[in-house]
Each structure stands twice: as structure tokens, then as C-alpha cells.
PDB file of N, CA and C in Angstrom:
ATOM      1  N   MET A   1      -5.741 -42.311   1.828  1.00  0.00           N
ATOM      2  CA  MET A   1      -5.752 -40.863   1.338  1.00  0.00           C
ATOM      3  C   MET A   1      -4.231 -40.572   0.984  1.00  0.00           C
ATOM      4  N   GLU A   2      -4.105 -39.919  -0.067  1.00  0.00           N
ATOM      5  CA  GLU A   2      -2.743 -39.541  -0.786  1.00  0.00           C
ATOM      6  C   GLU A   2      -2.537 -38.042  -0.566  1.00  0.00           C
ATOM      7  N   LEU A   3      -1.540 -37.843   0.124  1.00  0.00           N
ATOM      8  CA  LEU A   3      -0.984 -36.362   0.339  1.00  0.00           C
ATOM      9  C   LEU A   3      -0.277 -35.718  -0.722  1.00  0.00           C
ATOM     10  N   LYS A   4      -0.451 -34.780  -1.295  1.00  0.00           N
ATOM     11  CA  LYS A   4       0.449 -34.367  -2.179  1.00  0.00           C
ATOM     12  C   LYS A   4       0.742 -32.957  -1.822  1.00  0.00           C
ATOM     13  N   PHE A   5       2.409 -32.735  -1.775  1.00  0.00           N
ATOM     14  CA  PHE A   5       2.932 -31.472  -1.432  1.00  0.00           C
ATOM     15  C   PHE A   5       3.158 -30.525  -2.734  1.00  0.00           C
ATOM     16  N   ILE A   6       2.960 -29.388  -2.811  1.00  0.00           N
ATOM     17  CA  ILE A   6       3.272 -28.432  -3.768  1.00  0.00           C
ATOM     18  C   ILE A   6       4.288 -27.434  -3.149  1.00  0.00           C
ATOM     19  N   LYS A   7       5.543 -27.434  -3.669  1.00  0.00           N
ATOM     20  CA  LYS A   7       6.391 -26.474  -3.189  1.00  0.00           C
ATOM     21  C   LYS A   7       6.319 -25.148  -3.704  1.00  0.00           C
ATOM     22  N   ASN A   8       6.053 -24.238  -2.911  1.00  0.00           N
ATOM     23  CA  ASN A   8       5.889 -22.701  -3.162  1.00  0.00           C
ATOM     24  C   ASN A   8       7.381 -22.118  -3.239  1.00  0.00           C
ATOM     25  N   ILE A   9       7.453 -21.423  -4.325  1.00  0.00           N
ATOM     26  CA  ILE A   9       8.710 -20.722  -4.374  1.00  0.00           C
ATOM     27  C   ILE A   9       8.799 -19.135  -4.103  1.00  0.00           C
ATOM     28  N   GLN A  10       9.726 -18.943  -3.005  1.00  0.00           N
ATOM     29  CA  GLN A  10       9.711 -17.283  -2.637  1.00  0.00           C
ATOM     30  C   GLN A  10      11.129 -17.110  -2.216  1.00  0.00           C
ATOM     31  N   PHE A  11      11.444 -16.046  -2.769  1.00  0.00           N
ATOM     32  CA  PHE A  11      12.819 -15.526  -2.469  1.00  0.00           C
ATOM     33  C   PHE A  11      13.172 -13.951  -2.597  1.00  0.00           C
ATOM     34  N   THR A  12      13.884 -13.556  -2.146  1.00  0.00           N
ATOM     35  CA  THR A  12      14.384 -11.827  -2.020  1.00  0.00           C
ATOM     36  C   THR A  12      15.450 -11.835  -2.706  1.00  0.00           C
ATOM     37  N   ARG A  13      15.634 -10.835  -3.317  1.00  0.00           N
ATOM     38  CA  ARG A  13      17.057 -10.543  -4.057  1.00  0.00           C
ATOM     39  C   ARG A  13      17.124  -8.898  -4.032  1.00  0.00           C
ATOM     40  N   LEU A  14      18.465  -8.320  -3.626  1.00  0.00           N
ATOM     41  CA  LEU A  14      18.747  -7.176  -3.896  1.00  0.00           C
ATOM     42  C   LEU A  14      19.298  -6.876  -5.363  1.00  0.00           C
ATOM     43  N   ILE A  15      18.807  -5.910  -5.988  1.00  0.00           N
ATOM     44  CA  ILE A  15      19.201  -5.664  -7.596  1.00  0.00           C
ATOM     45  C   ILE A  15      19.347  -4.085  -7.556  1.00  0.00           C
ATOM     46  N   LYS A  16      20.495  -3.692  -8.253  1.00  0.00           N
ATOM     47  CA  LYS A  16      20.708  -2.460  -8.316  1.00  0.00           C
ATOM     48  C   LYS A  16      19.918  -1.840  -9.535  1.00  0.00           C
ATOM     49  N   VAL A  17      18.704  -0.977  -9.373  1.00  0.00           N
ATOM     50  CA  VAL A  17      18.123  -0.441 -10.365  1.00  0.00           C
ATOM     51  C   VAL A  17      17.945   1.082 -10.315  1.00  0.00           C
ATOM     52  N   ASP A  18      17.960   1.617 -11.619  1.00  0.00           N
ATOM     53  CA  ASP A  18      17.890   3.271 -11.448  1.00  0.00           C
ATOM     54  C   ASP A  18      19.113   3.853 -10.385  1.00  0.00           C
ATOM     55  N   GLY A  19      20.201   3.231 -10.463  1.00  0.00           N
ATOM     56  CA  GLY A  19      21.241   3.664  -9.542  1.00  0.00           C
ATOM     57  C   GLY A  19      21.195   3.284  -8.098  1.00  0.00           C
ATOM     58  N   ARG A  20      20.093   2.720  -7.694  1.00  0.00           N
ATOM     59  CA  ARG A  20      20.080   2.350  -6.346  1.00  0.00           C
ATOM     60  C   ARG A  20      19.774   0.916  -6.162  1.00  0.00           C
ATOM     61  N   LEU A  21      20.168   0.219  -4.927  1.00  0.00           N
ATOM     62  CA  LEU A  21      19.810  -1.024  -4.515  1.00  0.00           C
ATOM     63  C   LEU A  21      18.335  -1.337  -4.269  1.00  0.00           C
ATOM     64  N   LYS A  22      17.612  -2.043  -4.550  1.00  0.00           N
ATOM     65  CA  LYS A  22      16.239  -2.258  -4.281  1.00  0.00           C
ATOM     66  C   LYS A  22      15.980  -3.657  -3.864  1.00  0.00           C
ATOM     67  N   GLU A  23      15.124  -3.971  -3.028  1.00  0.00           N
ATOM     68  CA  GLU A  23      14.574  -5.127  -2.568  1.00  0.00           C
ATOM     69  C   GLU A  23      13.591  -5.807  -3.293  1.00  0.00           C
ATOM     70  N   PHE A  24      13.985  -6.917  -3.987  1.00  0.00           N
ATOM     71  CA  PHE A  24      12.647  -7.366  -4.976  1.00  0.00           C
ATOM     72  C   PHE A  24      12.174  -8.886  -4.180  1.00  0.00           C
ATOM     73  N   ASN A  25      10.906  -8.922  -3.928  1.00  0.00           N
ATOM     74  CA  ASN A  25      10.236 -10.313  -3.492  1.00  0.00           C
ATOM     75  C   ASN A  25       9.602 -10.964  -4.651  1.00  0.00           C
ATOM     76  N   PHE A  26      10.024 -12.295  -4.802  1.00  0.00           N
ATOM     77  CA  PHE A  26       9.709 -12.970  -6.148  1.00  0.00           C
ATOM     78  C   PHE A  26       8.779 -14.027  -5.276  1.00  0.00           C
ATOM     79  N   ARG A  27       7.411 -14.341  -5.517  1.00  0.00           N
ATOM     80  CA  ARG A  27       6.643 -15.135  -5.254  1.00  0.00           C
ATOM     81  C   ARG A  27       5.955 -16.076  -6.274  1.00  0.00           C
ATOM     82  N   LYS A  28       5.891 -17.487  -6.161  1.00  0.00           N
ATOM     83  CA  LYS A  28       5.332 -18.363  -7.056  1.00  0.00           C
ATOM     84  C   LYS A  28       4.522 -19.360  -6.614  1.00  0.00           C
ATOM     85  N   PRO A  29       3.253 -19.612  -6.725  1.00  0.00           N
ATOM     86  CA  PRO A  29       2.472 -20.514  -5.934  1.00  0.00           C
ATOM     87  C   PRO A  29       2.670 -22.233  -5.975  1.00  0.00           C
ATOM     88  N   ASN A  30       3.551 -22.323  -6.919  1.00  0.00           N
ATOM     89  CA  ASN A  30       4.223 -23.787  -7.203  1.00  0.00           C
ATOM     90  C   ASN A  30       5.565 -23.837  -7.776  1.00  0.00           C
ATOM     91  N   GLY A  31       6.048 -25.028  -7.649  1.00  0.00           N
ATOM     92  CA  GLY A  31       7.531 -25.039  -8.151  1.00  0.00           C
ATOM     93  C   GLY A  31       7.584 -25.494  -9.907  1.00  0.00           C
ATOM     94  N   ARG A  32       6.534 -25.425 -10.343  1.00  0.00           N
ATOM     95  CA  ARG A  32       6.836 -25.703 -11.886  1.00  0.00           C
ATOM     96  C   ARG A  32       7.167 -24.435 -12.520  1.00  0.00           C
ATOM     97  N   GLU A  33       7.675 -24.513 -13.681  1.00  0.00           N
ATOM     98  CA  GLU A  33       8.364 -23.464 -14.524  1.00  0.00           C
ATOM     99  C   GLU A  33       7.123 -22.786 -15.367  1.00  0.00           C
ATOM    100  N   ASP A  34       5.760 -23.314 -15.374  1.00  0.00           N
ATOM    101  CA  ASP A  34       5.032 -22.428 -16.021  1.00  0.00           C
ATOM    102  C   ASP A  34       4.219 -21.709 -15.111  1.00  0.00           C
ATOM    103  N   GLY A  35       3.204 -20.837 -15.481  1.00  0.00           N
ATOM    104  CA  GLY A  35       2.632 -19.919 -14.598  1.00  0.00           C
ATOM    105  C   GLY A  35       3.096 -18.688 -14.295  1.00  0.00           C
ATOM    106  N   GLN A  36       2.781 -18.031 -13.431  1.00  0.00           N
ATOM    107  CA  GLN A  36       3.295 -16.730 -13.199  1.00  0.00           C
ATOM    108  C   GLN A  36       4.011 -16.449 -11.854  1.00  0.00           C
ATOM    109  N   PHE A  37       4.847 -15.482 -11.875  1.00  0.00           N
ATOM    110  CA  PHE A  37       5.619 -14.972 -10.669  1.00  0.00           C
ATOM    111  C   PHE A  37       4.869 -13.889 -10.195  1.00  0.00           C
ATOM    112  N   THR A  38       4.769 -13.543  -8.998  1.00  0.00           N
ATOM    113  CA  THR A  38       4.191 -12.096  -8.404  1.00  0.00           C
ATOM    114  C   THR A  38       5.717 -11.514  -7.973  1.00  0.00           C
ATOM    115  N   VAL A  39       5.925 -10.263  -8.195  1.00  0.00           N
ATOM    116  CA  VAL A  39       7.279  -9.591  -7.873  1.00  0.00           C
ATOM    117  C   VAL A  39       6.749  -8.315  -7.137  1.00  0.00           C
ATOM    118  N   ASP A  40       7.219  -7.880  -5.970  1.00  0.00           N
ATOM    119  CA  ASP A  40       6.871  -6.695  -5.466  1.00  0.00           C
ATOM    120  C   ASP A  40       8.196  -6.092  -4.946  1.00  0.00           C
ATOM    121  N   VAL A  41       8.204  -4.619  -5.146  1.00  0.00           N
ATOM    122  CA  VAL A  41       9.224  -3.700  -4.704  1.00  0.00           C
ATOM    123  C   VAL A  41       8.530  -2.427  -4.180  1.00  0.00           C
ATOM    124  N   ILE A  42       9.488  -1.786  -3.407  1.00  0.00           N
ATOM    125  CA  ILE A  42       9.022  -0.315  -2.829  1.00  0.00           C
ATOM    126  C   ILE A  42       9.662   0.570  -3.686  1.00  0.00           C
ATOM    127  N   ASP A  43       8.917   1.740  -4.115  1.00  0.00           N
ATOM    128  CA  ASP A  43       9.524   2.824  -5.114  1.00  0.00           C
ATOM    129  C   ASP A  43      10.212   3.761  -4.120  1.00  0.00           C
ATOM    130  N   GLY A  44      10.776   4.988  -4.762  1.00  0.00           N
ATOM    131  CA  GLY A  44      11.530   5.808  -3.961  1.00  0.00           C
ATOM    132  C   GLY A  44      10.533   6.551  -2.862  1.00  0.00           C
ATOM    133  N   ARG A  45       9.294   6.610  -3.071  1.00  0.00           N
ATOM    134  CA  ARG A  45       8.246   7.413  -2.208  1.00  0.00           C
ATOM    135  C   ARG A  45       7.858   6.339  -1.173  1.00  0.00           C
ATOM    136  N   GLY A  46       8.103   5.108  -1.386  1.00  0.00           N
ATOM    137  CA  GLY A  46       7.632   4.141  -0.198  1.00  0.00           C
ATOM    138  C   GLY A  46       6.420   3.312  -0.646  1.00  0.00           C
ATOM    139  N   ASN A  47       5.983   3.561  -1.814  1.00  0.00           N
ATOM    140  CA  ASN A  47       4.932   2.858  -2.268  1.00  0.00           C
ATOM    141  C   ASN A  47       5.147   1.539  -2.837  1.00  0.00           C
ATOM    142  N   ARG A  48       4.474   0.399  -2.579  1.00  0.00           N
ATOM    143  CA  ARG A  48       4.648  -0.798  -2.964  1.00  0.00           C
ATOM    144  C   ARG A  48       4.363  -1.127  -4.407  1.00  0.00           C
ATOM    145  N   ILE A  49       4.939  -1.593  -5.300  1.00  0.00           N
ATOM    146  CA  ILE A  49       4.566  -1.690  -6.509  1.00  0.00           C
ATOM    147  C   ILE A  49       4.591  -3.077  -6.810  1.00  0.00           C
ATOM    148  N   ILE A  50       3.496  -3.810  -7.102  1.00  0.00           N
ATOM    149  CA  ILE A  50       3.372  -5.411  -7.292  1.00  0.00           C
ATOM    150  C   ILE A  50       3.082  -5.583  -9.002  1.00  0.00           C
ATOM    151  N   PHE A  51       3.794  -6.447  -9.426  1.00  0.00           N
ATOM    152  CA  PHE A  51       3.604  -6.817 -10.944  1.00  0.00           C
ATOM    153  C   PHE A  51       3.784  -8.428 -11.295  1.00  0.00           C
ATOM    154  N   ASN A  52       3.339  -8.924 -12.296  1.00  0.00           N
ATOM    155  CA  ASN A  52       3.393 -10.177 -12.531  1.00  0.00           C
ATOM    156  C   ASN A  52       4.362 -10.568 -13.735  1.00  0.00           C
ATOM    157  N   MET A  53       5.030 -11.680 -13.802  1.00  0.00           N
ATOM    158  CA  MET A  53       5.858 -11.990 -14.935  1.00  0.00           C
ATOM    159  C   MET A  53       5.569 -13.359 -15.219  1.00  0.00           C
ATOM    160  N   GLU A  54       5.405 -13.765 -16.564  1.00  0.00           N
ATOM    161  CA  GLU A  54       5.280 -14.948 -16.943  1.00  0.00           C
ATOM    162  C   GLU A  54       6.147 -15.352 -18.136  1.00  0.00           C
ATOM    163  N   LYS A  55       6.493 -16.878 -18.234  1.00  0.00           N
ATOM    164  CA  LYS A  55       7.521 -17.404 -18.863  1.00  0.00           C
ATOM    165  C   LYS A  55       6.493 -17.321 -20.626  1.00  0.00           C
ATOM    166  N   THR A  56       7.498 -16.668 -21.471  1.00  0.00           N
ATOM    167  CA  THR A  56       6.907 -16.615 -23.009  1.00  0.00           C
ATOM    168  C   THR A  56       8.193 -16.744 -23.852  1.00  0.00           C
ATOM    169  N   GLU A  57       8.046 -17.694 -24.718  1.00  0.00           N
ATOM    170  CA  GLU A  57       9.193 -17.870 -25.532  1.00  0.00           C
ATOM    171  C   GLU A  57      10.523 -17.995 -24.714  1.00  0.00           C
ATOM    172  N   ASN A  58      10.572 -18.855 -23.766  1.00  0.00           N
ATOM    173  CA  ASN A  58      11.812 -19.421 -22.947  1.00  0.00           C
ATOM    174  C   ASN A  58      12.291 -18.138 -22.100  1.00  0.00           C
ATOM    175  N   ASN A  59      11.423 -17.181 -22.004  1.00  0.00           N
ATOM    176  CA  ASN A  59      12.094 -16.087 -21.142  1.00  0.00           C
ATOM    177  C   ASN A  59      10.926 -15.404 -20.355  1.00  0.00           C
ATOM    178  N   TRP A  60      11.254 -14.954 -19.005  1.00  0.00           N
ATOM    179  CA  TRP A  60      10.268 -14.474 -17.976  1.00  0.00           C
ATOM    180  C   TRP A  60      10.077 -12.916 -18.458  1.00  0.00           C
ATOM    181  N   LYS A  61       8.732 -12.592 -18.808  1.00  0.00           N
ATOM    182  CA  LYS A  61       8.401 -11.472 -19.306  1.00  0.00           C
ATOM    183  C   LYS A  61       7.378 -10.522 -18.478  1.00  0.00           C
ATOM    184  N   ILE A  62       7.487  -9.372 -18.287  1.00  0.00           N
ATOM    185  CA  ILE A  62       6.545  -8.656 -17.519  1.00  0.00           C
ATOM    186  C   ILE A  62       5.278  -8.495 -18.118  1.00  0.00           C
ATOM    187  N   ILE A  63       4.169  -8.826 -17.516  1.00  0.00           N
ATOM    188  CA  ILE A  63       2.765  -8.947 -18.155  1.00  0.00           C
ATOM    189  C   ILE A  63       1.905  -7.759 -17.673  1.00  0.00           C
ATOM    190  N   THR A  64       2.662  -7.039 -16.818  1.00  0.00           N
ATOM    191  CA  THR A  64       1.619  -5.947 -16.132  1.00  0.00           C
ATOM    192  C   THR A  64       1.987  -4.574 -17.014  1.00  0.00           C
ATOM    193  N   ALA A  65       1.005  -4.029 -17.347  1.00  0.00           N
ATOM    194  CA  ALA A  65       1.083  -3.022 -18.562  1.00  0.00           C
ATOM    195  C   ALA A  65       1.679  -1.874 -18.146  1.00  0.00           C
ATOM    196  N   THR A  66       1.275  -1.157 -16.979  1.00  0.00           N
ATOM    197  CA  THR A  66       1.536   0.085 -16.587  1.00  0.00           C
ATOM    198  C   THR A  66       2.568   0.035 -15.457  1.00  0.00           C
ATOM    199  N   LEU A  67       4.011   0.370 -15.629  1.00  0.00           N
ATOM    200  CA  LEU A  67       4.836   0.061 -14.462  1.00  0.00           C
ATOM    201  C   LEU A  67       5.892   1.338 -14.956  1.00  0.00           C
ATOM    202  N   PRO A  68       6.643   1.716 -13.993  1.00  0.00           N
ATOM    203  CA  PRO A  68       7.791   2.798 -14.111  1.00  0.00           C
ATOM    204  C   PRO A  68       8.891   2.032 -15.088  1.00  0.00           C
ATOM    205  N   THR A  69       9.481   2.970 -15.751  1.00  0.00           N
ATOM    206  CA  THR A  69      10.353   2.724 -16.925  1.00  0.00           C
ATOM    207  C   THR A  69      11.594   1.861 -16.150  1.00  0.00           C
ATOM    208  N   TRP A  70      11.990   2.528 -15.035  1.00  0.00           N
ATOM    209  CA  TRP A  70      13.071   1.560 -14.431  1.00  0.00           C
ATOM    210  C   TRP A  70      12.688   0.327 -14.099  1.00  0.00           C
ATOM    211  N   LEU A  71      11.540  -0.303 -13.772  1.00  0.00           N
ATOM    212  CA  LEU A  71      11.150  -1.562 -13.830  1.00  0.00           C
ATOM    213  C   LEU A  71      11.131  -2.382 -15.182  1.00  0.00           C
ATOM    214  N   LEU A  72      10.558  -1.700 -16.329  1.00  0.00           N
ATOM    215  CA  LEU A  72      10.603  -2.324 -17.237  1.00  0.00           C
ATOM    216  C   LEU A  72      11.915  -2.401 -17.996  1.00  0.00           C
ATOM    217  N   GLU A  73      12.879  -1.625 -17.575  1.00  0.00           N
ATOM    218  CA  GLU A  73      14.271  -1.639 -18.209  1.00  0.00           C
ATOM    219  C   GLU A  73      14.992  -2.618 -17.558  1.00  0.00           C
ATOM    220  N   SER A  74      14.542  -3.415 -16.659  1.00  0.00           N
ATOM    221  CA  SER A  74      15.219  -4.255 -15.655  1.00  0.00           C
ATOM    222  C   SER A  74      14.705  -5.731 -16.125  1.00  0.00           C
ATOM    223  N   GLU A  75      13.572  -5.919 -17.097  1.00  0.00           N
ATOM    224  CA  GLU A  75      13.191  -7.183 -17.170  1.00  0.00           C
ATOM    225  C   GLU A  75      14.085  -8.385 -17.460  1.00  0.00           C
ATOM    226  N   GLU A  76      15.207  -8.101 -18.010  1.00  0.00           N
ATOM    227  CA  GLU A  76      16.198  -8.979 -18.555  1.00  0.00           C
ATOM    228  C   GLU A  76      17.007  -9.575 -16.994  1.00  0.00           C
ATOM    229  N   ALA A  77      17.137  -8.580 -16.000  1.00  0.00           N
ATOM    230  CA  ALA A  77      17.942  -8.690 -14.831  1.00  0.00           C
ATOM    231  C   ALA A  77      16.899  -9.923 -14.102  1.00  0.00           C
ATOM    232  N   PHE A  78      15.682  -9.629 -14.147  1.00  0.00           N
ATOM    233  CA  PHE A  78      14.581 -10.459 -13.309  1.00  0.00           C
ATOM    234  C   PHE A  78      14.631 -11.807 -13.949  1.00  0.00           C
ATOM    235  N   ASN A  79      14.701 -11.816 -15.482  1.00  0.00           N
ATOM    236  CA  ASN A  79      14.749 -13.161 -16.063  1.00  0.00           C
ATOM    237  C   ASN A  79      15.765 -14.135 -15.693  1.00  0.00           C
ATOM    238  N   GLU A  80      17.014 -13.323 -15.586  1.00  0.00           N
ATOM    239  CA  GLU A  80      18.250 -14.274 -15.099  1.00  0.00           C
ATOM    240  C   GLU A  80      18.127 -14.671 -13.728  1.00  0.00           C
ATOM    241  N   ILE A  81      17.497 -14.048 -12.685  1.00  0.00           N
ATOM    242  CA  ILE A  81      17.551 -14.176 -11.532  1.00  0.00           C
ATOM    243  C   ILE A  81      16.534 -15.225 -11.302  1.00  0.00           C
ATOM    244  N   ILE A  82      15.180 -15.306 -11.724  1.00  0.00           N
ATOM    245  CA  ILE A  82      14.230 -16.290 -11.687  1.00  0.00           C
ATOM    246  C   ILE A  82      14.809 -17.658 -12.337  1.00  0.00           C
ATOM    247  N   GLU A  83      15.337 -17.629 -13.491  1.00  0.00           N
ATOM    248  CA  GLU A  83      16.256 -18.861 -13.971  1.00  0.00           C
ATOM    249  C   GLU A  83      17.213 -19.568 -13.099  1.00  0.00           C
ATOM    250  N   GLU A  84      18.004 -18.595 -12.350  1.00  0.00           N
ATOM    251  CA  GLU A  84      18.949 -19.107 -11.412  1.00  0.00           C
ATOM    252  C   GLU A  84      18.403 -19.740 -10.227  1.00  0.00           C
ATOM    253  N   GLU A  85      17.213 -19.312  -9.801  1.00  0.00           N
ATOM    254  CA  GLU A  85      16.575 -19.968  -8.721  1.00  0.00           C
ATOM    255  C   GLU A  85      16.057 -21.249  -9.130  1.00  0.00           C
ATOM    256  N   PHE A  86      15.446 -21.468 -10.307  1.00  0.00           N
ATOM    257  CA  PHE A  86      14.925 -22.558 -10.816  1.00  0.00           C
ATOM    258  C   PHE A  86      16.105 -23.680 -10.872  1.00  0.00           C
ATOM    259  N   LYS A  87      17.414 -23.320 -11.327  1.00  0.00           N
ATOM    260  CA  LYS A  87      18.514 -24.057 -11.296  1.00  0.00           C
ATOM    261  C   LYS A  87      19.004 -24.632  -9.993  1.00  0.00           C
ATOM    262  N   SER A  88      18.923 -23.552  -8.854  1.00  0.00           N
ATOM    263  CA  SER A  88      19.385 -23.900  -7.484  1.00  0.00           C
ATOM    264  C   SER A  88      18.471 -24.959  -6.976  1.00  0.00           C
ATOM    265  N   ILE A  89      17.126 -24.943  -7.089  1.00  0.00           N
ATOM    266  CA  ILE A  89      16.276 -25.765  -6.537  1.00  0.00           C
ATOM    267  C   ILE A  89      16.120 -26.879  -7.350  1.00  0.00           C
ATOM    268  N   ALA A  90      16.768 -27.152  -8.543  1.00  0.00           N
ATOM    269  CA  ALA A  90      16.346 -28.489  -9.240  1.00  0.00           C
ATOM    270  C   ALA A  90      17.304 -29.709  -8.608  1.00  0.00           C
TER     271      ALA A  90
END
């Protein structure tokens, strides 16, 4: 019997968004660079916002359509954080 382990990726980062520091949780069910990341954050009212990002044209892009503007404007920062994480685990 062969056992195969697949490493999950999960990390948290504080990012300044919309003038405030917010805690973002990133999760990916496997260690490969393809597939989707699930990202969650709490807004100013305490509601949890969950969205997905997928690698397209060598950049991680938000694929969830209806999100607050402050999240959509931070897409580039999320891309950089995800790429840094892949470099650190390689």
C-alpha cells in the first residue's frame, strides 16, 4: 500500500486595506500552484467575506464577482502575498 501525502497551504497575513489593518486567511487544499485559493476576511461590521482566487496568466486573480471595492482594489497585494508564500515553501 502506497501512502501519498498532499500538503495543504494555509496562512494568515495582516494587510492594510481601506486605511485599516485586516487579517486575511488564505487556504489551498494542495501545494500545487494551480487550482484555487479561498480567502476570508471580516469587514467593518463583523461579517465574514469569503472569496476565491485562481491563477490566470501568471497572476492570482479574484474570481468571485460581487465583492466590496476595497477587496477588488487589493487584488495585486493578494497576488504578491501568495507568490511569496509559494517561494517560502519551495
